[in-house]
Amino acid sequence: MDKVHEKLPVMTSYDRYLWCKAAHHKAYRRMGAHLATYEGQKGVHFAVWAPNAERVSVICDLNKWTPDVNPLILNNDTGVWQGFIPGLKEGDCYKYAIKPHQDIILEKADPYAFATEIRRPGSEWGKASVIWDIGKYKWKDDEWMADRAKGAIRRQAMNIYECNLASWRRKNGTEYLTYEEAAQELVPYLKEMGYTHVEFMPLTEYP
């Protein structure tokens, strides 16, 4: 795997050390789905923790959602399965097909996914993870960060709004908002109501 280390975001020996100590605070840089180029081919590198699995593979449109077509390789030290699949691109949906020791196949979303399908209440659709490049996002908080560095924000009064995005507002009464849609509606509301901060209840995606 040394050759792979030069090209792909796989775990190095130091990553494995931190992971086994439960002290890898930037594991998202290694885990999940990362766009990559390997041996001249563009695709995606996957990594998921499933220490008790017998087999793990990636299912997606490219392989017609068929398990075992694109298997991942287990690192016994960490319990992390990883591998590179050429041909996948940003915006493609995927899941992990996990074969435990029982005679079943479990289809699971990626716990380290950078994007996910929008859930549709009462539907089997909207449960897949989505390949996404978070590195291209351009932050626009220079002014706020400068104020924070001066300590000015810490001397101001705080009025905190606790928010559950899943239930805060829906489209047409049932459809979930995307994060961008929620931001466009939530920020003006918070300003109008005099809130200075927002505390989000857990944002973990789940079907």
N, C-alpha and C. Protein backbone atom coordinates (compact mmCIF):
# COMPACT_ATOMS: atom_id res chain seq x y z
N MET A 1 0.82 -1.22 0.00
CA MET A 1 0.00 0.00 0.00
C MET A 1 0.85 1.27 0.00
N ASP A 2 2.19 1.13 0.07
CA ASP A 2 3.03 2.33 0.12
C ASP A 2 2.85 3.19 -1.12
N LYS A 3 2.70 2.55 -2.29
CA LYS A 3 2.51 3.30 -3.52
C LYS A 3 1.19 4.06 -3.48
N VAL A 4 0.18 3.44 -2.91
CA VAL A 4 -1.13 4.08 -2.80
C VAL A 4 -1.04 5.31 -1.91
N HIS A 5 -0.24 5.22 -0.84
CA HIS A 5 -0.13 6.34 0.09
C HIS A 5 0.31 7.62 -0.62
N GLU A 6 1.09 7.49 -1.70
CA GLU A 6 1.58 8.67 -2.40
C GLU A 6 0.47 9.36 -3.18
N LYS A 7 -0.58 8.65 -3.51
CA LYS A 7 -1.60 9.18 -4.41
C LYS A 7 -2.95 9.41 -3.76
N LEU A 8 -3.30 8.58 -2.81
CA LEU A 8 -4.66 8.57 -2.28
C LEU A 8 -4.69 8.91 -0.80
N PRO A 9 -5.85 9.38 -0.32
CA PRO A 9 -5.96 9.77 1.10
C PRO A 9 -6.17 8.59 2.03
N VAL A 10 -5.36 7.54 1.87
CA VAL A 10 -5.50 6.39 2.75
C VAL A 10 -4.76 6.66 4.06
N MET A 11 -5.03 5.83 5.05
CA MET A 11 -4.43 6.03 6.35
C MET A 11 -2.93 5.71 6.35
N THR A 12 -2.14 6.63 6.85
CA THR A 12 -0.73 6.39 7.06
C THR A 12 -0.55 5.66 8.40
N SER A 13 0.68 5.29 8.72
CA SER A 13 0.92 4.62 10.00
C SER A 13 0.56 5.54 11.17
N TYR A 14 0.79 6.85 11.00
CA TYR A 14 0.43 7.79 12.07
C TYR A 14 -1.08 7.92 12.20
N ASP A 15 -1.78 7.92 11.06
CA ASP A 15 -3.25 7.93 11.09
C ASP A 15 -3.77 6.71 11.85
N ARG A 16 -3.18 5.56 11.56
CA ARG A 16 -3.63 4.33 12.22
C ARG A 16 -3.37 4.39 13.72
N TYR A 17 -2.23 4.97 14.09
CA TYR A 17 -1.91 5.12 15.51
C TYR A 17 -2.96 5.99 16.22
N LEU A 18 -3.28 7.14 15.62
CA LEU A 18 -4.27 8.03 16.21
C LEU A 18 -5.65 7.38 16.25
N TRP A 19 -6.00 6.69 15.16
CA TRP A 19 -7.32 6.05 15.08
C TRP A 19 -7.49 5.02 16.18
N CYS A 20 -6.49 4.19 16.39
CA CYS A 20 -6.59 3.13 17.40
C CYS A 20 -6.61 3.69 18.82
N LYS A 21 -6.12 4.92 18.99
CA LYS A 21 -6.17 5.57 20.30
C LYS A 21 -7.44 6.41 20.46
N ALA A 22 -8.31 6.40 19.43
CA ALA A 22 -9.51 7.24 19.43
C ALA A 22 -9.14 8.70 19.60
N ALA A 23 -8.04 9.11 18.94
CA ALA A 23 -7.55 10.48 19.08
C ALA A 23 -7.33 11.15 17.73
N HIS A 24 -7.97 10.62 16.68
CA HIS A 24 -7.81 11.21 15.34
C HIS A 24 -8.87 12.28 15.14
N HIS A 25 -8.51 13.53 15.44
CA HIS A 25 -9.48 14.62 15.41
C HIS A 25 -9.77 15.15 14.00
N LYS A 26 -9.02 14.67 13.01
CA LYS A 26 -9.27 15.07 11.63
C LYS A 26 -9.47 13.84 10.76
N ALA A 27 -10.18 12.87 11.30
CA ALA A 27 -10.39 11.61 10.59
C ALA A 27 -11.16 11.81 9.29
N TYR A 28 -11.94 12.90 9.20
CA TYR A 28 -12.72 13.14 7.98
C TYR A 28 -11.83 13.32 6.76
N ARG A 29 -10.55 13.64 6.98
CA ARG A 29 -9.62 13.80 5.86
C ARG A 29 -9.24 12.45 5.26
N ARG A 30 -9.46 11.39 5.98
CA ARG A 30 -9.13 10.05 5.51
C ARG A 30 -10.38 9.21 5.26
N MET A 31 -11.40 9.38 6.09
CA MET A 31 -12.59 8.55 6.01
C MET A 31 -13.59 9.13 5.02
N GLY A 32 -14.53 8.29 4.60
CA GLY A 32 -15.56 8.76 3.68
C GLY A 32 -15.12 8.65 2.23
N ALA A 33 -15.73 9.47 1.38
CA ALA A 33 -15.47 9.45 -0.06
C ALA A 33 -14.71 10.70 -0.47
N HIS A 34 -13.53 10.51 -1.06
CA HIS A 34 -12.69 11.64 -1.48
C HIS A 34 -12.37 11.52 -2.96
N LEU A 35 -12.62 12.60 -3.71
CA LEU A 35 -12.23 12.63 -5.11
C LEU A 35 -10.71 12.50 -5.19
N ALA A 36 -10.23 11.69 -6.13
CA ALA A 36 -8.80 11.45 -6.23
C ALA A 36 -8.44 11.02 -7.65
N THR A 37 -7.16 11.07 -7.95
CA THR A 37 -6.63 10.56 -9.21
C THR A 37 -5.55 9.54 -8.89
N TYR A 38 -5.67 8.35 -9.45
CA TYR A 38 -4.70 7.29 -9.18
C TYR A 38 -4.32 6.61 -10.48
N GLU A 39 -3.02 6.59 -10.75
CA GLU A 39 -2.48 6.00 -11.97
C GLU A 39 -3.18 6.55 -13.20
N GLY A 40 -3.38 7.87 -13.20
CA GLY A 40 -3.95 8.55 -14.35
C GLY A 40 -5.46 8.48 -14.47
N GLN A 41 -6.12 7.79 -13.56
CA GLN A 41 -7.57 7.65 -13.61
C GLN A 41 -8.23 8.48 -12.51
N LYS A 42 -9.25 9.24 -12.90
CA LYS A 42 -10.01 10.01 -11.92
C LYS A 42 -11.10 9.14 -11.32
N GLY A 43 -11.31 9.30 -10.04
CA GLY A 43 -12.33 8.52 -9.37
C GLY A 43 -12.48 8.94 -7.93
N VAL A 44 -12.82 7.99 -7.08
CA VAL A 44 -13.08 8.30 -5.67
C VAL A 44 -12.44 7.24 -4.78
N HIS A 45 -11.81 7.70 -3.71
CA HIS A 45 -11.27 6.80 -2.69
C HIS A 45 -12.25 6.72 -1.53
N PHE A 46 -12.57 5.50 -1.11
CA PHE A 46 -13.53 5.27 -0.03
C PHE A 46 -12.84 4.66 1.18
N ALA A 47 -13.33 5.03 2.37
CA ALA A 47 -12.85 4.41 3.61
C ALA A 47 -13.98 4.41 4.62
N VAL A 48 -14.24 3.25 5.21
CA VAL A 48 -15.32 3.13 6.19
C VAL A 48 -14.89 2.13 7.28
N TRP A 49 -15.28 2.41 8.51
CA TRP A 49 -14.93 1.54 9.64
C TRP A 49 -16.02 0.49 9.82
N ALA A 50 -15.66 -0.77 9.66
CA ALA A 50 -16.60 -1.88 9.85
C ALA A 50 -15.80 -3.09 10.32
N PRO A 51 -15.29 -3.06 11.55
CA PRO A 51 -14.34 -4.07 12.02
C PRO A 51 -14.89 -5.49 12.09
N ASN A 52 -16.19 -5.65 12.21
CA ASN A 52 -16.77 -6.99 12.34
C ASN A 52 -17.38 -7.51 11.04
N ALA A 53 -17.20 -6.77 9.96
CA ALA A 53 -17.78 -7.19 8.68
C ALA A 53 -16.95 -8.29 8.04
N GLU A 54 -17.62 -9.12 7.28
CA GLU A 54 -16.94 -10.17 6.52
C GLU A 54 -16.51 -9.63 5.16
N ARG A 55 -17.35 -8.77 4.57
CA ARG A 55 -17.03 -8.12 3.30
C ARG A 55 -17.68 -6.74 3.29
N VAL A 56 -17.05 -5.81 2.59
CA VAL A 56 -17.63 -4.48 2.38
C VAL A 56 -17.36 -4.07 0.94
N SER A 57 -18.37 -3.56 0.27
CA SER A 57 -18.20 -3.05 -1.09
C SER A 57 -19.01 -1.77 -1.25
N VAL A 58 -18.69 -1.04 -2.31
CA VAL A 58 -19.42 0.19 -2.62
C VAL A 58 -20.46 -0.12 -3.68
N ILE A 59 -21.69 0.31 -3.45
CA ILE A 59 -22.74 0.16 -4.45
C ILE A 59 -23.17 1.54 -4.92
N CYS A 60 -23.42 1.66 -6.23
CA CYS A 60 -23.72 2.97 -6.82
C CYS A 60 -24.29 2.75 -8.22
N ASP A 61 -24.61 3.85 -8.91
CA ASP A 61 -25.14 3.74 -10.26
C ASP A 61 -24.14 3.07 -11.20
N LEU A 62 -22.84 3.33 -10.97
CA LEU A 62 -21.80 2.80 -11.85
C LEU A 62 -21.83 1.28 -11.92
N ASN A 63 -22.12 0.63 -10.80
CA ASN A 63 -22.19 -0.84 -10.79
C ASN A 63 -23.62 -1.36 -10.64
N LYS A 64 -24.59 -0.47 -10.94
CA LYS A 64 -26.01 -0.83 -10.88
C LYS A 64 -26.43 -1.32 -9.50
N TRP A 65 -25.78 -0.75 -8.47
CA TRP A 65 -26.11 -1.03 -7.08
C TRP A 65 -25.99 -2.52 -6.76
N THR A 66 -24.95 -3.13 -7.33
CA THR A 66 -24.71 -4.55 -7.14
C THR A 66 -23.56 -4.78 -6.15
N PRO A 67 -23.80 -5.47 -5.03
CA PRO A 67 -22.73 -5.73 -4.06
C PRO A 67 -21.60 -6.55 -4.66
N ASP A 68 -20.39 -6.36 -4.11
CA ASP A 68 -19.19 -7.14 -4.43
C ASP A 68 -18.56 -6.81 -5.78
N VAL A 69 -19.16 -5.93 -6.58
CA VAL A 69 -18.53 -5.53 -7.83
C VAL A 69 -17.31 -4.65 -7.55
N ASN A 70 -17.43 -3.78 -6.57
CA ASN A 70 -16.33 -2.90 -6.17
C ASN A 70 -16.01 -3.10 -4.69
N PRO A 71 -15.32 -4.20 -4.37
CA PRO A 71 -15.02 -4.51 -2.97
C PRO A 71 -13.94 -3.59 -2.39
N LEU A 72 -14.00 -3.37 -1.10
CA LEU A 72 -12.97 -2.62 -0.38
C LEU A 72 -12.06 -3.61 0.34
N ILE A 73 -10.87 -3.13 0.71
CA ILE A 73 -9.86 -3.97 1.36
C ILE A 73 -9.77 -3.61 2.84
N LEU A 74 -9.73 -4.62 3.68
CA LEU A 74 -9.70 -4.42 5.13
C LEU A 74 -8.28 -4.21 5.63
N ASN A 75 -8.10 -3.19 6.48
CA ASN A 75 -6.88 -3.04 7.26
C ASN A 75 -7.16 -3.63 8.64
N ASN A 76 -6.54 -4.75 8.94
CA ASN A 76 -6.86 -5.47 10.17
C ASN A 76 -6.51 -4.70 11.43
N ASP A 77 -5.53 -3.80 11.35
CA ASP A 77 -5.12 -3.04 12.54
C ASP A 77 -6.20 -2.06 13.00
N THR A 78 -6.94 -1.52 12.03
CA THR A 78 -7.90 -0.45 12.35
C THR A 78 -9.35 -0.86 12.17
N GLY A 79 -9.61 -1.91 11.40
CA GLY A 79 -10.99 -2.26 11.08
C GLY A 79 -11.57 -1.39 9.99
N VAL A 80 -10.70 -0.63 9.29
CA VAL A 80 -11.14 0.27 8.23
C VAL A 80 -11.01 -0.43 6.88
N TRP A 81 -12.08 -0.38 6.10
CA TRP A 81 -12.10 -0.89 4.74
C TRP A 81 -11.90 0.28 3.79
N GLN A 82 -11.04 0.10 2.77
CA GLN A 82 -10.77 1.21 1.86
C GLN A 82 -10.46 0.71 0.46
N GLY A 83 -10.60 1.62 -0.50
CA GLY A 83 -10.31 1.27 -1.89
C GLY A 83 -10.63 2.42 -2.82
N PHE A 84 -10.11 2.33 -4.03
CA PHE A 84 -10.29 3.37 -5.05
C PHE A 84 -11.16 2.83 -6.18
N ILE A 85 -12.15 3.62 -6.60
CA ILE A 85 -13.02 3.23 -7.71
C ILE A 85 -12.95 4.29 -8.79
N PRO A 86 -12.41 3.96 -9.97
CA PRO A 86 -12.34 4.93 -11.06
C PRO A 86 -13.71 5.17 -11.68
N GLY A 87 -13.87 6.35 -12.26
CA GLY A 87 -15.10 6.65 -12.99
C GLY A 87 -16.18 7.36 -12.21
N LEU A 88 -16.09 7.35 -10.90
CA LEU A 88 -17.07 8.07 -10.09
C LEU A 88 -16.72 9.54 -10.04
N LYS A 89 -17.73 10.39 -9.82
CA LYS A 89 -17.51 11.84 -9.84
C LYS A 89 -18.38 12.52 -8.80
N GLU A 90 -18.13 13.81 -8.61
CA GLU A 90 -18.91 14.59 -7.67
C GLU A 90 -20.39 14.57 -8.06
N GLY A 91 -21.24 14.37 -7.07
CA GLY A 91 -22.68 14.34 -7.31
C GLY A 91 -23.25 12.93 -7.43
N ASP A 92 -22.38 11.93 -7.62
CA ASP A 92 -22.85 10.55 -7.70
C ASP A 92 -23.29 10.05 -6.32
N CYS A 93 -24.33 9.25 -6.29
CA CYS A 93 -24.82 8.67 -5.04
C CYS A 93 -24.18 7.30 -4.80
N TYR A 94 -24.06 6.94 -3.53
CA TYR A 94 -23.46 5.65 -3.20
C TYR A 94 -23.91 5.20 -1.80
N LYS A 95 -23.73 3.92 -1.55
CA LYS A 95 -23.89 3.34 -0.21
C LYS A 95 -22.82 2.27 -0.04
N TYR A 96 -22.69 1.79 1.19
CA TYR A 96 -21.83 0.64 1.45
C TYR A 96 -22.69 -0.61 1.58
N ALA A 97 -22.30 -1.67 0.89
CA ALA A 97 -22.95 -2.97 1.05
C ALA A 97 -22.08 -3.78 2.01
N ILE A 98 -22.60 -4.03 3.20
CA ILE A 98 -21.82 -4.67 4.26
C ILE A 98 -22.35 -6.08 4.51
N LYS A 99 -21.46 -7.04 4.41
CA LYS A 99 -21.81 -8.45 4.67
C LYS A 99 -21.29 -8.81 6.06
N PRO A 100 -22.18 -8.89 7.05
CA PRO A 100 -21.76 -9.36 8.38
C PRO A 100 -21.57 -10.88 8.33
N HIS A 101 -21.37 -11.48 9.47
CA HIS A 101 -21.17 -12.93 9.49
C HIS A 101 -22.48 -13.69 9.27
N GLN A 102 -23.61 -13.01 9.41
CA GLN A 102 -24.88 -13.63 9.07
C GLN A 102 -25.05 -13.61 7.54
N ASP A 103 -25.99 -14.39 7.07
CA ASP A 103 -26.21 -14.51 5.63
C ASP A 103 -27.14 -13.40 5.13
N ILE A 104 -26.71 -12.16 5.28
CA ILE A 104 -27.49 -11.00 4.83
C ILE A 104 -26.53 -9.94 4.29
N ILE A 105 -27.08 -9.01 3.55
CA ILE A 105 -26.32 -7.85 3.07
C ILE A 105 -27.00 -6.59 3.60
N LEU A 106 -26.25 -5.76 4.29
CA LEU A 106 -26.78 -4.51 4.83
C LEU A 106 -26.35 -3.35 3.94
N GLU A 107 -27.28 -2.51 3.54
CA GLU A 107 -26.96 -1.32 2.78
C GLU A 107 -26.94 -0.13 3.73
N LYS A 108 -25.78 0.52 3.84
CA LYS A 108 -25.62 1.59 4.81
C LYS A 108 -25.11 2.87 4.16
N ALA A 109 -25.63 4.01 4.63
CA ALA A 109 -25.10 5.30 4.22
C ALA A 109 -23.73 5.49 4.86
N ASP A 110 -22.96 6.41 4.33
CA ASP A 110 -21.61 6.67 4.82
C ASP A 110 -21.65 7.61 6.02
N PRO A 111 -21.17 7.18 7.20
CA PRO A 111 -21.20 8.07 8.37
C PRO A 111 -20.28 9.28 8.22
N TYR A 112 -19.34 9.23 7.26
CA TYR A 112 -18.45 10.36 7.01
C TYR A 112 -18.81 11.08 5.70
N ALA A 113 -20.00 10.87 5.19
CA ALA A 113 -20.40 11.50 3.93
C ALA A 113 -20.37 13.02 4.04
N PHE A 114 -19.93 13.67 2.98
CA PHE A 114 -19.91 15.14 2.94
C PHE A 114 -21.21 15.71 2.38
N ALA A 115 -22.06 14.86 1.84
CA ALA A 115 -23.38 15.28 1.36
C ALA A 115 -24.28 14.06 1.35
N THR A 116 -25.58 14.31 1.31
CA THR A 116 -26.53 13.20 1.32
C THR A 116 -27.78 13.60 0.54
N GLU A 117 -28.48 12.60 0.06
CA GLU A 117 -29.75 12.88 -0.59
C GLU A 117 -30.72 13.49 0.41
N ILE A 118 -31.63 14.30 -0.09
CA ILE A 118 -32.65 14.86 0.79
C ILE A 118 -33.68 13.79 1.10
N ARG A 119 -33.92 13.59 2.38
CA ARG A 119 -34.88 12.56 2.79
C ARG A 119 -36.29 12.93 2.37
N ARG A 120 -37.04 11.92 2.02
CA ARG A 120 -38.44 12.11 1.67
C ARG A 120 -39.28 11.29 2.65
N PRO A 121 -40.04 11.93 3.51
CA PRO A 121 -40.81 11.21 4.52
C PRO A 121 -41.67 10.10 3.92
N GLY A 122 -41.57 8.90 4.49
CA GLY A 122 -42.39 7.79 4.04
C GLY A 122 -41.92 7.13 2.77
N SER A 123 -40.72 7.50 2.28
CA SER A 123 -40.22 6.95 1.03
C SER A 123 -38.89 6.26 1.25
N GLU A 124 -38.59 5.28 0.39
CA GLU A 124 -37.29 4.60 0.44
C GLU A 124 -36.22 5.42 -0.25
N TRP A 125 -36.61 6.47 -0.98
CA TRP A 125 -35.65 7.32 -1.65
C TRP A 125 -35.06 8.32 -0.66
N GLY A 126 -33.89 8.82 -1.00
CA GLY A 126 -33.27 9.85 -0.17
C GLY A 126 -32.44 9.31 0.97
N LYS A 127 -31.93 8.09 0.83
CA LYS A 127 -31.14 7.49 1.91
C LYS A 127 -29.68 7.27 1.53
N ALA A 128 -29.30 7.66 0.32
CA ALA A 128 -27.92 7.43 -0.14
C ALA A 128 -27.02 8.61 0.20
N SER A 129 -25.73 8.33 0.29
CA SER A 129 -24.74 9.38 0.46
C SER A 129 -24.37 9.93 -0.92
N VAL A 130 -23.79 11.13 -0.93
CA VAL A 130 -23.45 11.79 -2.19
C VAL A 130 -21.98 12.20 -2.16
N ILE A 131 -21.27 11.90 -3.23
CA ILE A 131 -19.87 12.30 -3.34
C ILE A 131 -19.80 13.81 -3.51
N TRP A 132 -18.98 14.45 -2.68
CA TRP A 132 -18.92 15.92 -2.73
C TRP A 132 -17.54 16.42 -2.31
N ASP A 133 -17.09 17.49 -2.95
CA ASP A 133 -15.79 18.09 -2.65
C ASP A 133 -16.01 19.30 -1.75
N ILE A 134 -15.77 19.14 -0.45
CA ILE A 134 -15.97 20.27 0.46
C ILE A 134 -14.81 21.25 0.42
N GLY A 135 -13.70 20.86 -0.22
CA GLY A 135 -12.54 21.74 -0.27
C GLY A 135 -12.72 22.95 -1.15
N LYS A 136 -13.72 22.92 -2.03
CA LYS A 136 -13.91 24.04 -2.95
C LYS A 136 -14.75 25.17 -2.34
N TYR A 137 -15.29 24.94 -1.14
CA TYR A 137 -16.12 25.97 -0.53
C TYR A 137 -15.27 27.16 -0.10
N LYS A 138 -15.71 28.36 -0.43
CA LYS A 138 -14.99 29.58 -0.08
C LYS A 138 -15.69 30.26 1.10
N TRP A 139 -14.99 30.30 2.23
CA TRP A 139 -15.55 30.93 3.42
C TRP A 139 -15.62 32.44 3.24
N LYS A 140 -16.65 33.04 3.84
CA LYS A 140 -16.86 34.49 3.72
C LYS A 140 -17.03 35.12 5.10
N ASP A 141 -16.27 34.60 6.05
CA ASP A 141 -16.42 35.07 7.43
C ASP A 141 -15.20 35.82 7.95
N ASP A 142 -14.45 36.46 7.03
CA ASP A 142 -13.21 37.16 7.43
C ASP A 142 -13.48 38.22 8.49
N GLU A 143 -14.54 39.00 8.30
CA GLU A 143 -14.85 40.08 9.24
C GLU A 143 -15.18 39.51 10.62
N TRP A 144 -15.99 38.46 10.64
CA TRP A 144 -16.37 37.85 11.92
C TRP A 144 -15.16 37.24 12.61
N MET A 145 -14.30 36.56 11.84
CA MET A 145 -13.11 35.95 12.43
C MET A 145 -12.17 37.00 12.99
N ALA A 146 -12.08 38.15 12.31
CA ALA A 146 -11.22 39.23 12.80
C ALA A 146 -11.74 39.78 14.12
N ASP A 147 -13.07 39.94 14.22
CA ASP A 147 -13.66 40.41 15.48
C ASP A 147 -13.44 39.39 16.60
N ARG A 148 -13.54 38.12 16.26
CA ARG A 148 -13.33 37.09 17.27
C ARG A 148 -11.90 37.11 17.79
N ALA A 149 -10.95 37.34 16.88
CA ALA A 149 -9.55 37.38 17.28
C ALA A 149 -9.26 38.54 18.23
N LYS A 150 -10.00 39.63 18.08
CA LYS A 150 -9.82 40.79 18.96
C LYS A 150 -10.48 40.58 20.32
N GLY A 151 -11.31 39.57 20.43
CA GLY A 151 -12.02 39.33 21.67
C GLY A 151 -13.28 40.15 21.81
N ALA A 152 -13.64 40.92 20.76
CA ALA A 152 -14.80 41.80 20.84
C ALA A 152 -16.10 41.02 21.02
N ILE A 153 -16.21 39.89 20.35
CA ILE A 153 -17.44 39.11 20.40
C ILE A 153 -17.70 38.59 21.81
N ARG A 154 -16.64 38.26 22.52
CA ARG A 154 -16.79 37.71 23.87
C ARG A 154 -17.30 38.74 24.87
N ARG A 155 -17.20 40.00 24.53
CA ARG A 155 -17.66 41.06 25.44
C ARG A 155 -19.08 41.50 25.14
N GLN A 156 -19.69 40.91 24.12
CA GLN A 156 -21.04 41.30 23.73
C GLN A 156 -22.07 40.36 24.36
N ALA A 157 -23.29 40.87 24.49
CA ALA A 157 -24.38 40.05 25.03
C ALA A 157 -24.72 38.92 24.06
N MET A 158 -25.20 37.82 24.62
CA MET A 158 -25.56 36.66 23.80
C MET A 158 -27.03 36.32 23.99
N ASN A 159 -27.68 35.98 22.89
CA ASN A 159 -29.05 35.50 22.92
C ASN A 159 -29.10 34.29 21.98
N ILE A 160 -29.16 33.09 22.55
CA ILE A 160 -28.96 31.87 21.78
C ILE A 160 -30.30 31.23 21.40
N TYR A 161 -30.42 30.88 20.12
CA TYR A 161 -31.62 30.21 19.61
C TYR A 161 -31.27 28.74 19.37
N GLU A 162 -32.00 27.82 20.02
CA GLU A 162 -31.78 26.39 19.80
C GLU A 162 -32.67 25.93 18.65
N CYS A 163 -32.08 25.24 17.68
CA CYS A 163 -32.82 24.92 16.46
C CYS A 163 -32.63 23.46 16.05
N ASN A 164 -33.73 22.81 15.75
CA ASN A 164 -33.72 21.49 15.12
C ASN A 164 -34.09 21.71 13.66
N LEU A 165 -33.10 21.65 12.77
CA LEU A 165 -33.34 21.97 11.37
C LEU A 165 -34.37 21.06 10.71
N ALA A 166 -34.42 19.80 11.14
CA ALA A 166 -35.35 18.86 10.50
C ALA A 166 -36.80 19.25 10.70
N SER A 167 -37.10 19.90 11.83
CA SER A 167 -38.49 20.24 12.12
C SER A 167 -38.75 21.75 12.12
N TRP A 168 -37.70 22.56 11.93
CA TRP A 168 -37.87 24.00 12.03
C TRP A 168 -38.83 24.53 10.96
N ARG A 169 -38.65 24.07 9.75
CA ARG A 169 -39.53 24.51 8.66
C ARG A 169 -39.49 23.47 7.54
N ARG A 170 -40.60 23.28 6.86
CA ARG A 170 -40.69 22.35 5.73
C ARG A 170 -41.25 23.07 4.51
N LYS A 171 -40.92 22.54 3.34
CA LYS A 171 -41.52 23.03 2.11
C LYS A 171 -42.80 22.24 1.85
N ASN A 172 -43.84 22.94 1.48
CA ASN A 172 -45.13 22.30 1.18
C ASN A 172 -45.62 21.44 2.34
N GLY A 173 -45.18 21.75 3.52
CA GLY A 173 -45.66 21.06 4.70
C GLY A 173 -44.96 19.75 5.03
N THR A 174 -44.27 19.14 4.04
CA THR A 174 -43.65 17.82 4.28
C THR A 174 -42.20 17.72 3.82
N GLU A 175 -41.80 18.50 2.81
CA GLU A 175 -40.46 18.35 2.23
C GLU A 175 -39.41 19.05 3.08
N TYR A 176 -38.27 18.37 3.29
CA TYR A 176 -37.18 18.94 4.06
C TYR A 176 -36.46 20.02 3.25
N LEU A 177 -35.97 21.03 3.95
CA LEU A 177 -35.15 22.06 3.32
C LEU A 177 -33.72 21.56 3.16
N THR A 178 -33.04 22.03 2.11
CA THR A 178 -31.60 21.79 2.04
C THR A 178 -30.93 22.73 3.04
N TYR A 179 -29.65 22.51 3.31
CA TYR A 179 -28.95 23.39 4.25
C TYR A 179 -28.89 24.82 3.71
N GLU A 180 -28.71 24.97 2.40
CA GLU A 180 -28.67 26.31 1.80
C GLU A 180 -30.02 27.00 1.92
N GLU A 181 -31.08 26.26 1.66
CA GLU A 181 -32.42 26.83 1.79
C GLU A 181 -32.71 27.23 3.23
N ALA A 182 -32.30 26.38 4.17
CA ALA A 182 -32.52 26.68 5.59
C ALA A 182 -31.75 27.94 5.99
N ALA A 183 -30.52 28.08 5.51
CA ALA A 183 -29.71 29.26 5.86
C ALA A 183 -30.36 30.54 5.35
N GLN A 184 -30.91 30.49 4.14
CA GLN A 184 -31.53 31.68 3.55
C GLN A 184 -32.77 32.12 4.32
N GLU A 185 -33.45 31.19 4.96
CA GLU A 185 -34.65 31.54 5.72
C GLU A 185 -34.37 31.75 7.20
N LEU A 186 -33.42 30.98 7.74
CA LEU A 186 -33.16 31.03 9.17
C LEU A 186 -32.42 32.29 9.60
N VAL A 187 -31.41 32.69 8.84
CA VAL A 187 -30.60 33.86 9.24
C VAL A 187 -31.43 35.13 9.33
N PRO A 188 -32.25 35.47 8.32
CA PRO A 188 -33.09 36.67 8.47
C PRO A 188 -34.04 36.58 9.67
N TYR A 189 -34.56 35.38 9.93
CA TYR A 189 -35.46 35.20 11.07
C TYR A 189 -34.73 35.48 12.38
N LEU A 190 -33.51 34.95 12.53
CA LEU A 190 -32.74 35.15 13.75
C LEU A 190 -32.42 36.62 13.97
N LYS A 191 -32.06 37.31 12.90
CA LYS A 191 -31.75 38.74 13.02
C LYS A 191 -32.99 39.53 13.42
N GLU A 192 -34.11 39.20 12.80
CA GLU A 192 -35.35 39.91 13.11
C GLU A 192 -35.77 39.71 14.56
N MET A 193 -35.52 38.52 15.10
CA MET A 193 -35.93 38.20 16.46
C MET A 193 -34.90 38.60 17.51
N GLY A 194 -33.76 39.12 17.07
CA GLY A 194 -32.76 39.62 18.01
C GLY A 194 -31.81 38.58 18.57
N TYR A 195 -31.70 37.43 17.91
CA TYR A 195 -30.76 36.41 18.37
C TYR A 195 -29.36 36.72 17.85
N THR A 196 -28.35 36.39 18.66
CA THR A 196 -26.96 36.61 18.25
C THR A 196 -26.27 35.31 17.88
N HIS A 197 -26.76 34.19 18.38
CA HIS A 197 -26.14 32.90 18.12
C HIS A 197 -27.23 31.85 17.90
N VAL A 198 -26.85 30.78 17.20
CA VAL A 198 -27.77 29.66 17.02
C VAL A 198 -27.06 28.38 17.45
N GLU A 199 -27.77 27.56 18.22
CA GLU A 199 -27.25 26.26 18.65
C GLU A 199 -28.07 25.18 17.96
N PHE A 200 -27.41 24.45 17.06
CA PHE A 200 -28.12 23.41 16.31
C PHE A 200 -28.14 22.11 17.10
N MET A 201 -29.28 21.50 17.15
CA MET A 201 -29.36 20.14 17.66
C MET A 201 -28.65 19.23 16.65
N PRO A 202 -28.24 18.02 17.03
CA PRO A 202 -27.36 17.20 16.17
C PRO A 202 -27.79 17.17 14.71
N LEU A 203 -26.81 17.38 13.82
CA LEU A 203 -27.07 17.46 12.39
C LEU A 203 -26.76 16.16 11.66
N THR A 204 -26.52 15.09 12.39
CA THR A 204 -26.20 13.81 11.76
C THR A 204 -27.33 13.36 10.84
N GLU A 205 -26.96 13.00 9.60
CA GLU A 205 -27.97 12.52 8.66
C GLU A 205 -28.36 11.08 9.00
N TYR A 206 -29.63 10.77 8.88
CA TYR A 206 -30.10 9.41 9.12
C TYR A 206 -31.37 9.20 8.33
N PRO A 207 -31.65 7.96 7.89
CA PRO A 207 -32.84 7.70 7.07
C PRO A 207 -34.11 7.69 7.90
